Protein backbone atom coordinates (compact mmCIF):
# COMPACT_ATOMS: atom_id res chain seq x y z
CA MET A 1 0.00 0.00 0.00
CA LEU A 2 1.34 3.45 -0.94
CA ALA A 3 1.84 5.95 1.84
CA SER A 4 0.52 9.47 1.30
CA SER A 5 1.26 12.72 3.09
CA MET A 6 -1.42 15.18 4.13
CA VAL A 7 -0.99 18.90 3.51
CA PHE A 8 -3.01 21.18 5.78
CA SER A 9 -3.10 24.63 7.32
CA ILE A 10 -4.25 25.63 10.81
CA ILE A 11 -6.11 28.95 11.00
CA GLN A 12 -7.97 30.94 13.61
CA LYS A 13 -11.77 31.07 13.69
CA SER A 14 -11.53 34.86 13.41
CA GLN A 15 -9.86 34.46 9.99
CA LEU A 16 -12.82 32.45 8.73
CA GLU A 17 -15.28 35.09 9.86
CA GLY A 18 -13.33 37.96 8.31
CA ALA A 19 -12.77 36.34 4.94
CA LYS A 20 -16.23 34.73 4.65
CA ARG A 21 -14.56 31.80 2.90
CA LEU A 22 -14.56 28.11 3.82
CA ASP A 23 -12.82 26.63 0.75
CA ALA A 24 -9.45 25.05 1.51
CA GLU A 25 -7.71 26.70 -1.49
CA TYR A 26 -8.14 30.12 0.12
CA TYR A 27 -6.02 29.14 3.11
CA GLN A 28 -3.07 27.56 1.28
CA HIS A 29 0.22 28.33 3.02
CA GLU A 30 1.92 29.56 -0.17
CA TYR A 31 -0.53 32.48 -0.36
CA PHE A 32 0.47 33.83 3.05
CA ILE A 33 1.85 37.41 3.19
CA ASP A 34 2.78 39.14 6.44
CA PHE A 35 0.79 42.38 6.30
CA THR A 36 2.04 43.52 9.73
CA LYS A 37 5.35 44.70 8.29
CA GLY A 38 4.94 48.11 6.69
CA ASP A 39 1.96 50.09 5.42
CA TRP A 40 -0.36 47.64 3.64
CA ARG A 41 -3.78 48.89 2.53
CA PRO A 42 -6.61 47.65 0.26
CA ILE A 43 -6.15 48.88 -3.31
CA GLY A 44 -9.76 50.09 -3.20
CA ASP A 45 -8.58 52.92 -0.91
CA PHE A 46 -6.64 54.40 -3.85
CA LEU A 47 -9.17 53.92 -6.66
CA GLU A 48 -11.42 56.43 -8.33
CA GLN A 49 -13.06 53.60 -10.31
CA CYS A 50 -13.33 49.82 -10.11
CA GLN A 51 -15.69 49.20 -13.01
CA TYR A 52 -16.95 46.26 -15.07
CA GLY A 53 -16.81 46.64 -18.86
CA LEU A 54 -19.39 46.44 -21.65
CA SER A 55 -21.38 43.37 -22.65
CA TYR A 56 -22.36 43.87 -26.30
CA ALA A 57 -21.99 41.90 -29.52
CA MET A 58 -18.62 42.59 -31.15
CA ASN A 59 -17.74 42.83 -34.82
CA THR A 60 -14.61 42.58 -36.95
CA THR A 61 -15.81 45.05 -39.60
CA GLN A 62 -14.51 48.10 -37.69
CA VAL A 63 -18.03 49.43 -37.06
CA GLY A 64 -18.16 51.43 -33.84
CA TYR A 65 -15.41 51.76 -31.25
CA PRO A 66 -12.44 49.43 -30.66
CA ILE A 67 -13.02 47.22 -27.61
CA PHE A 68 -10.22 45.65 -25.59
CA LYS A 69 -10.51 42.03 -24.45
CA MET A 70 -8.45 39.69 -22.30
CA ASP A 71 -6.45 38.67 -25.39
CA ASN A 72 -5.15 42.22 -25.68
CA ILE A 73 -3.45 42.04 -22.27
CA GLU A 74 0.12 40.84 -22.63
CA ASP A 75 3.33 41.46 -20.71
CA ALA A 76 1.51 43.83 -18.28
CA PHE A 77 0.34 46.18 -21.07
CA LEU A 78 -2.63 46.61 -23.42
CA PHE A 79 -1.79 46.02 -27.09
CA ALA A 80 -4.02 46.90 -30.06
CA ASN A 81 -3.67 43.51 -31.78
CA ASN A 82 -6.65 41.92 -33.56
CA LEU A 83 -9.08 44.39 -32.05
CA LYS A 84 -12.82 43.91 -32.33
CA TYR A 85 -15.39 46.71 -32.38
CA VAL A 86 -18.67 47.51 -30.65
CA GLN A 87 -21.53 49.81 -31.64
CA ILE A 88 -22.59 52.00 -28.71
CA ASN A 89 -23.94 55.50 -28.29
CA ARG A 90 -21.78 58.46 -27.27
CA GLY A 91 -23.01 58.42 -23.69
CA GLU A 92 -21.98 54.80 -23.20
CA PHE A 93 -18.65 55.52 -24.85
CA ASP A 94 -17.98 58.36 -22.41
CA ASP A 95 -18.78 56.06 -19.46
CA PHE A 96 -16.44 53.28 -20.62
CA ARG A 97 -13.78 55.20 -22.50
CA LEU A 98 -10.25 54.12 -21.66
CA LYS A 99 -7.82 56.78 -20.50
CA LYS A 100 -4.06 56.65 -20.31
CA ASP A 101 -2.82 54.68 -17.28
CA ASP A 102 -6.14 52.90 -16.72
CA ILE A 103 -5.48 49.31 -15.60
CA LEU A 104 -7.52 46.36 -16.89
CA PHE A 105 -7.89 43.17 -14.84
CA ASN A 106 -9.22 39.93 -16.33
CA ARG A 107 -11.84 38.82 -13.79
CA VAL A 108 -13.36 35.65 -15.31
CA ASN A 109 -12.00 33.00 -17.65
CA ALA A 110 -10.14 29.72 -17.53
CA GLU A 111 -8.23 29.71 -14.25
CA GLU A 112 -4.83 30.22 -15.87
CA PHE A 113 -6.00 33.51 -17.42
CA VAL A 114 -7.86 35.03 -14.48
CA GLY A 115 -5.81 37.83 -12.96
CA ARG A 116 -4.03 38.84 -16.15
CA THR A 117 -3.47 42.57 -15.70
CA GLY A 118 -2.20 45.34 -17.99
CA ILE A 119 -1.95 49.13 -18.14
CA PHE A 120 -3.30 51.23 -21.02
CA LYS A 121 -0.68 53.47 -22.64
CA LEU A 122 -2.19 53.88 -26.10
CA ASN A 123 -3.59 57.00 -27.73
CA LEU A 124 -6.75 55.31 -28.98
CA GLU A 125 -10.45 56.07 -28.43
CA SER A 126 -11.62 52.72 -27.15
CA VAL A 127 -13.62 50.81 -24.50
CA PHE A 128 -13.31 47.47 -22.70
CA ALA A 129 -15.25 44.21 -22.45
CA SER A 130 -17.44 43.00 -19.58
CA TYR A 131 -15.13 40.28 -18.31
CA LEU A 132 -12.52 42.94 -17.56
CA VAL A 133 -12.46 45.32 -14.60
CA ARG A 134 -11.09 48.84 -15.07
CA LEU A 135 -9.00 50.20 -12.18
CA ARG A 136 -8.43 53.95 -12.26
CA VAL A 137 -6.24 55.45 -9.56
CA LYS A 138 -7.35 58.67 -7.84
CA ILE A 139 -5.62 61.92 -8.79
CA GLU A 140 -2.76 62.70 -6.38
CA SER A 141 -3.06 59.25 -4.85
CA GLU A 142 -0.32 57.79 -2.65
CA ILE A 143 -0.15 54.98 -5.22
CA LEU A 144 1.00 55.55 -8.82
CA SER A 145 -0.82 53.67 -11.59
CA ASP A 146 2.34 52.06 -12.94
CA TYR A 147 3.30 50.84 -9.48
CA LEU A 148 -0.15 49.33 -8.94
CA ASN A 149 0.04 47.53 -12.30
CA ILE A 150 3.53 46.17 -11.67
CA PHE A 151 2.52 45.17 -8.13
CA LEU A 152 -0.45 43.13 -9.43
CA ASN A 153 1.95 41.42 -11.88
CA SER A 154 4.51 40.72 -9.13
CA SER A 155 4.58 37.69 -6.84
CA PHE A 156 2.88 39.71 -4.06
CA GLY A 157 -0.05 40.56 -6.33
CA ILE A 158 -0.27 37.14 -7.97
CA ARG A 159 -0.33 35.30 -4.63
CA GLN A 160 -3.29 37.37 -3.46
CA ILE A 161 -5.11 36.92 -6.77
CA GLN A 162 -4.54 33.17 -6.59
CA LYS A 163 -5.90 33.17 -3.06
CA ILE A 164 -9.16 35.01 -3.76
CA LYS A 165 -10.04 33.24 -7.03
CA ARG A 166 -13.34 31.39 -6.86
CA ARG A 167 -12.85 28.17 -8.78
CA ALA A 168 -15.47 26.21 -10.69
CA VAL A 169 -15.36 23.60 -13.46
CA ASN A 170 -13.04 24.91 -16.20
CA GLN A 171 -13.42 28.48 -14.94
CA ALA A 172 -12.52 30.86 -12.14
CA ASN A 173 -13.49 34.42 -11.23
CA VAL A 174 -12.64 37.38 -9.02
CA ASN A 175 -15.35 39.99 -8.47
CA ALA A 176 -14.75 43.72 -8.18
CA GLU A 177 -15.35 43.87 -4.43
CA GLU A 178 -12.83 41.10 -3.81
CA LEU A 179 -10.38 42.80 -6.13
CA LYS A 180 -10.61 46.05 -4.13
CA GLN A 181 -9.63 44.13 -0.98
CA ILE A 182 -6.24 43.08 -2.37
CA ARG A 183 -3.61 44.77 -0.23
CA ILE A 184 -0.74 46.79 -1.62
CA LYS A 185 2.27 48.04 0.26
CA VAL A 186 2.60 51.83 0.14
CA LEU A 187 6.20 52.39 -0.89
CA PRO A 188 7.93 55.81 -0.83
CA LEU A 189 6.95 57.97 -3.81
CA ASN A 190 10.53 58.18 -5.11
CA THR A 191 10.66 54.36 -5.24
CA GLN A 192 7.33 54.25 -7.06
CA LYS A 193 8.65 56.78 -9.58
CA GLU A 194 11.59 54.46 -10.30
CA ILE A 195 9.09 51.69 -11.00
CA GLU A 196 7.09 54.06 -13.20
CA LYS A 197 10.23 54.95 -15.18
CA LEU A 198 11.08 51.29 -15.81
CA SER A 199 7.47 50.61 -16.83
CA ASN A 200 7.46 53.48 -19.35
CA GLN A 201 10.85 52.44 -20.74
CA SER A 202 9.53 48.91 -21.19
CA TRP A 203 6.45 50.23 -23.00
CA GLN A 204 8.61 52.36 -25.35
CA SER A 205 10.73 49.31 -26.20
CA PHE A 206 7.60 47.28 -26.95
CA GLU A 207 6.35 50.12 -29.17
CA ASN A 208 9.71 50.31 -30.97
CA SER A 209 9.61 46.58 -31.57
CA LYS A 210 6.10 46.87 -32.99
CA TYR A 211 7.15 49.75 -35.27
CA LEU A 212 10.14 47.81 -36.65
CA CYS A 213 7.95 44.78 -37.25
CA SER A 214 5.38 46.91 -39.08
CA GLN A 215 8.10 48.49 -41.25
CA THR A 216 9.38 45.02 -42.13
CA GLU A 217 5.95 43.74 -43.11
CA ASP A 218 5.36 46.84 -45.26
CA LEU A 219 8.70 46.33 -47.06
CA PHE A 220 7.88 42.69 -47.69
CA LEU A 221 4.36 43.28 -49.02
CA GLU A 222 5.40 46.28 -51.14
CA THR A 223 8.11 44.17 -52.77
CA LEU A 224 5.46 41.60 -53.73
CA GLU A 225 2.93 44.31 -54.70
CA LEU A 226 0.54 43.09 -51.99
CA LYS A 227 0.67 46.15 -49.73
CA ASN A 228 -2.98 47.10 -50.25
CA PHE A 229 -4.23 43.63 -51.06
CA GLU A 230 -8.03 43.39 -51.03
CA SER A 231 -9.94 40.27 -51.90
CA GLU A 232 -12.89 40.45 -54.27
CA ASN A 233 -16.13 39.17 -52.79
CA ASN A 234 -17.23 37.13 -55.80
CA LEU A 235 -20.52 35.31 -55.53
CA PHE A 236 -19.28 32.34 -57.56
CA SER A 237 -16.22 30.75 -59.16
CA ILE A 238 -15.93 28.50 -62.21
CA VAL A 239 -13.38 25.68 -61.88
CA ASN A 240 -12.51 22.59 -63.86
CA LEU A 241 -13.29 19.11 -62.55
CA SER A 242 -9.56 18.37 -62.65
CA GLU A 243 -8.94 21.21 -60.19
CA ALA A 244 -11.47 19.77 -57.74
CA LYS A 245 -9.87 16.32 -58.04
CA SER A 246 -6.39 17.74 -57.54
CA ALA A 247 -7.43 19.67 -54.42
CA ASP A 248 -9.63 16.82 -53.15
CA ARG A 249 -12.18 19.52 -52.30
CA ILE A 250 -15.59 20.48 -53.70
CA ASP A 251 -16.64 23.18 -51.21
CA ALA A 252 -17.25 26.64 -52.67
CA GLU A 253 -15.24 28.37 -49.92
CA TYR A 254 -12.04 26.69 -51.09
CA PHE A 255 -12.34 27.80 -54.70
CA ASN A 256 -13.72 31.26 -53.91
CA SER A 257 -11.03 31.96 -51.29
CA PRO A 258 -9.16 35.30 -51.43
CA CYS A 259 -6.10 33.06 -51.22
CA ASN A 260 -6.45 32.29 -54.92
CA LYS A 261 -6.19 35.96 -55.90
CA MET A 262 -3.15 36.37 -53.66
CA LEU A 263 -1.46 33.29 -55.14
CA ALA A 264 -2.04 34.59 -58.66
CA GLN A 265 0.02 37.65 -57.70
CA ILE A 266 2.98 35.91 -56.05
CA LEU A 267 3.19 33.24 -58.76
CA LYS A 268 4.29 36.03 -61.12
CA GLY A 269 7.67 35.79 -59.41
CA LYS A 270 9.93 33.01 -58.17
CA THR A 271 8.27 30.61 -55.69
CA ALA A 272 8.83 27.25 -54.05
CA LYS A 273 6.79 24.78 -52.06
CA LEU A 274 7.47 24.78 -48.32
CA GLY A 275 8.17 21.03 -48.42
CA ASP A 276 11.05 21.68 -50.82
CA LEU A 277 12.60 24.21 -48.42
CA VAL A 278 12.32 22.39 -45.08
CA ASP A 279 12.20 18.98 -43.44
CA MET A 280 9.08 18.71 -41.27
CA THR A 281 8.47 16.81 -38.05
CA LYS A 282 5.13 16.67 -36.26
CA GLY A 283 5.26 16.82 -32.45
CA VAL A 284 4.17 14.24 -29.90
CA GLU A 285 1.22 14.01 -27.48
CA PRO A 286 2.12 12.19 -24.23
CA GLY A 287 -1.36 12.81 -22.77
CA ALA A 288 -2.70 15.29 -20.21
CA ASP A 289 -1.73 12.97 -17.37
CA ALA A 290 1.94 13.63 -18.23
CA TYR A 291 1.62 17.40 -17.69
CA GLN A 292 3.40 18.84 -14.65
CA ASP A 293 3.71 22.23 -12.97
CA GLY A 294 7.48 22.11 -13.42
CA GLY A 295 10.15 20.24 -15.38
CA LYS A 296 10.95 20.52 -19.08
CA LEU A 297 8.87 22.66 -21.45
CA PHE A 298 6.01 21.10 -23.35
CA ILE A 299 5.51 23.48 -26.26
CA ARG A 300 1.86 23.65 -27.32
CA VAL A 301 -0.03 25.69 -29.91
CA SER A 302 -0.81 28.31 -27.24
CA SER A 303 2.93 28.60 -26.51
CA ILE A 304 3.67 30.04 -29.96
CA SER A 305 3.34 33.61 -31.19
CA LYS A 306 5.01 35.40 -34.07
CA ASP A 307 7.20 37.17 -31.48
CA GLY A 308 8.49 33.86 -30.12
CA LEU A 309 7.61 31.36 -27.42
CA ILE A 310 5.18 32.60 -24.77
CA GLY A 311 6.31 31.88 -21.22
CA LYS A 312 2.93 32.26 -19.48
CA THR A 313 0.48 29.40 -18.83
CA GLN A 314 3.17 26.93 -19.87
CA LYS A 315 2.95 23.16 -19.42
CA TYR A 316 5.83 20.89 -18.47
CA VAL A 317 6.83 17.22 -18.67
CA SER A 318 9.15 15.11 -16.57
CA GLU A 319 12.90 14.82 -17.10
CA GLU A 320 12.43 11.15 -18.05
CA LEU A 321 9.82 11.91 -20.73
CA TYR A 322 11.96 14.74 -22.06
CA LYS A 323 15.00 12.45 -22.42
CA GLU A 324 12.87 9.87 -24.20
CA PHE A 325 11.57 12.30 -26.85
CA LYS A 326 14.15 15.07 -27.12
CA SER A 327 16.16 13.60 -30.02
CA GLU A 328 13.17 13.87 -32.34
CA TYR A 329 10.98 16.55 -30.78
CA GLN A 330 13.31 19.14 -29.21
CA PRO A 331 13.59 22.22 -31.48
CA GLN A 332 17.03 23.61 -32.25
CA VAL A 333 18.24 27.19 -32.75
CA GLY A 334 17.53 28.33 -36.32
CA GLU A 335 14.54 26.05 -36.79
CA ILE A 336 10.94 27.25 -37.15
CA LEU A 337 7.93 26.12 -35.14
CA LEU A 338 4.59 26.21 -36.98
CA THR A 339 1.12 25.53 -35.54
CA LYS A 340 -1.06 23.05 -37.42
CA ASP A 341 -4.09 22.70 -35.12
CA ALA A 342 -6.60 25.02 -33.39
CA SER A 343 -4.88 28.23 -34.61
CA PRO A 344 -3.07 26.96 -37.70
CA GLY A 345 -0.40 29.05 -39.40
CA MET A 346 1.34 30.76 -36.45
CA ALA A 347 5.13 30.55 -36.76
CA CYS A 348 8.19 31.57 -34.78
CA VAL A 349 11.95 31.18 -35.15
CA VAL A 350 13.82 29.38 -32.38
CA ARG A 351 16.40 32.06 -31.54
CA GLU A 352 17.70 30.69 -28.24
CA PRO A 353 18.32 27.14 -26.92
CA VAL A 354 15.15 25.43 -25.65
CA GLU A 355 14.97 22.48 -23.29
CA GLY A 356 11.62 21.01 -24.17
CA ILE A 357 9.57 19.04 -26.69
CA ILE A 358 6.81 20.06 -29.09
CA SER A 359 3.21 18.88 -28.95
CA SER A 360 1.36 17.12 -31.78
CA GLY A 361 -0.29 20.41 -32.77
CA VAL A 362 3.08 21.89 -33.70
CA MET A 363 5.37 21.25 -36.68
CA ARG A 364 9.16 21.50 -36.40
CA LEU A 365 10.67 22.92 -39.61
CA LYS A 366 14.36 22.36 -40.29
CA LEU A 367 15.71 24.36 -43.22
CA LYS A 368 17.33 22.37 -46.03
CA ASP A 369 17.67 25.08 -48.67
CA LYS A 370 19.29 28.53 -48.82
CA ILE A 371 16.50 30.62 -47.37
CA ASN A 372 16.71 32.92 -44.37
CA PRO A 373 14.70 31.48 -41.42
CA GLU A 374 13.61 34.96 -40.28
CA TYR A 375 12.33 35.69 -43.78
CA LEU A 376 10.53 32.36 -44.07
CA THR A 377 8.85 32.92 -40.70
CA LEU A 378 7.61 36.32 -41.89
CA VAL A 379 6.15 34.66 -45.00
CA LEU A 380 4.30 32.12 -42.86
CA ASN A 381 2.90 34.81 -40.53
CA SER A 382 1.96 37.17 -43.38
CA ILE A 383 -1.24 37.10 -45.43
CA ILE A 384 0.58 34.70 -47.77
CA GLY A 385 0.83 32.00 -45.13
CA GLN A 386 -2.36 32.91 -43.29
CA LEU A 387 -4.63 32.85 -46.34
CA GLN A 388 -3.29 29.46 -47.41
CA ALA A 389 -3.77 28.08 -43.90
CA GLU A 390 -7.33 29.46 -43.71
CA ARG A 391 -8.20 28.02 -47.11
CA ASP A 392 -6.76 24.55 -46.47
CA ALA A 393 -7.47 23.89 -42.78
CA GLY A 394 -10.58 21.85 -42.04
CA GLY A 395 -12.44 20.67 -38.95
CA SER A 396 -15.96 21.24 -37.66
CA ILE A 397 -14.89 22.39 -34.17
CA ILE A 398 -11.08 22.56 -34.10
CA ALA A 399 -9.21 23.49 -37.28
CA HIS A 400 -6.61 21.02 -38.52
CA TRP A 401 -3.98 21.76 -41.16
CA LYS A 402 -2.66 18.52 -42.61
CA PRO A 403 1.12 18.07 -43.02
CA GLU A 404 0.68 17.31 -46.73
CA GLN A 405 -1.17 20.60 -47.16
CA ILE A 406 1.55 22.43 -45.25
CA LYS A 407 4.21 20.94 -47.53
CA ASN A 408 2.35 22.37 -50.54
CA LEU A 409 2.25 25.93 -49.15
CA ILE A 410 3.58 28.33 -51.78
CA VAL A 411 6.50 30.53 -50.62
CA PRO A 412 7.68 33.58 -52.62
CA ILE A 413 11.48 33.54 -53.01
CA LEU A 414 12.86 37.08 -52.93
CA PRO A 415 16.55 37.83 -53.65
CA ILE A 416 18.81 36.82 -50.77
CA LEU A 417 19.88 40.45 -50.18
CA THR A 418 16.23 41.42 -49.68
CA GLN A 419 15.70 38.42 -47.42
CA ASN A 420 18.69 39.44 -45.30
CA LYS A 421 17.49 43.06 -45.08
CA ILE A 422 14.10 41.83 -43.85
CA ALA A 423 15.79 39.45 -41.40
CA ASP A 424 17.93 42.27 -39.99
CA LEU A 425 14.86 44.41 -39.27
CA LEU A 426 13.11 41.45 -37.64
CA LEU A 427 16.12 40.80 -35.42
CA GLN A 428 16.16 44.45 -34.38
CA SER A 429 12.47 44.13 -33.50
CA TYR A 430 13.20 40.98 -31.50
CA GLN A 431 16.04 42.67 -29.58
CA SER A 432 13.81 45.63 -28.74
CA ARG A 433 11.06 43.30 -27.50
CA LYS A 434 13.58 41.33 -25.47
CA LYS A 435 14.81 44.58 -23.89
CA ALA A 436 11.20 45.52 -23.06
CA ALA A 437 10.67 42.17 -21.31
CA GLU A 438 13.91 42.62 -19.34
CA LEU A 439 12.86 46.10 -18.17
CA LEU A 440 9.46 44.76 -17.14
CA GLU A 441 11.09 41.96 -15.17
CA GLU A 442 13.45 44.47 -13.55
CA ALA A 443 10.46 46.54 -12.44
CA LYS A 444 8.74 43.49 -10.89
CA LEU A 445 11.91 42.38 -9.12
CA LYS A 446 12.43 45.90 -7.79
CA VAL A 447 8.91 45.94 -6.35
CA GLU A 448 9.45 42.57 -4.69
CA GLU A 449 12.87 43.58 -3.37
CA MET A 450 11.62 46.87 -1.89
CA ILE A 451 8.63 45.15 -0.25
CA GLU A 452 10.84 42.47 1.26
CA LYS A 453 13.30 45.09 2.51
CA GLY A 454 10.50 47.04 4.14
CA GLY A 455 10.42 49.77 1.51
CA GLU A 456 13.60 51.41 2.76
CA LYS A 457 16.28 52.59 0.34
């Protein structure tokens, strides 16, 4: 018979009455913070607003005002990527309009996403969705907005968020009243201003990275005469039977896809099939039971973005499993990772050594021809790769892009000097983004260090 150890916490009855919580998760030892050392107060004491967002149907046709969602919160900031829009009247817009240094907190979602927090630094007339909570700090408050945001992203904020989460099946939530009760340590204003400076420097580096990436994409599309590409919304297409047999498809969407117009343009120049440029390996699926909270990285579809591997909400596998699979499924520097399932067509270059293995929803691409990996990744993430992935991928619930379809993806081959110029700009963008992440981490570590030291310089 296997022996098991019991983990428990002993608490006072007065703690139960004050918290109004009986669930064991709330009293886990790892969430404990000693609030007797220093000036700790509820964040609600410093807020002008703690407000839920709007609950309206959203659209992708840019009708109405941009609306920020949980997906737009990344690396402690709000980014205007893949924005949706909402039609509301001017009065509602004024009530929910985002202002610079507003903080958005994701209050309900899958447990791993609840508590994601970011600060708004954009100059954009926009609002926010209902599953977010807007925190606006009072004017001349003892707490600066940037410090509050970094605090909520630090270990001291995360531990409290983890503690107050109300967990249900496949979901968790934190309501606004509970959020206001999270305690923050009031650090000296000069220390908070140092945090604010690091936060703003990080934001500027993120913005610079985004600008360089945009310039690169413009150069690439202009070279291919696709800069202002617009698909025609034809009501029908006429195709030969041989084309349907060759594609093994008879659905109208495939033959009336804007992809076909795009391909007609790039086929005017030199092209190659992806399968002729790379060797491809599909990842492995060891099963959910093999996932761990620590160990070696298990790189899933959600781990991949065009900016690189995402560190948050990561899964891990054991050292033993890693050793078993690493020879075939561990990506190497210079290779490309490409998603084939769920969100097919997202690619990133492996720029630094990775100790981990890829999941079955990810393809490992090893270059075998003279093509720049940064350039090829841009092709895959551009409308050229995305339109082909959208056209080819099938699946009633979850999209699947078959390896044979991926091998047949058409890649424009620009002169190597142009490829290298594009690659240089992409590397500059990557370095700027890396610097931004380092500054953000420095700000969080500074907050944690000053809290642990008692806030004294």
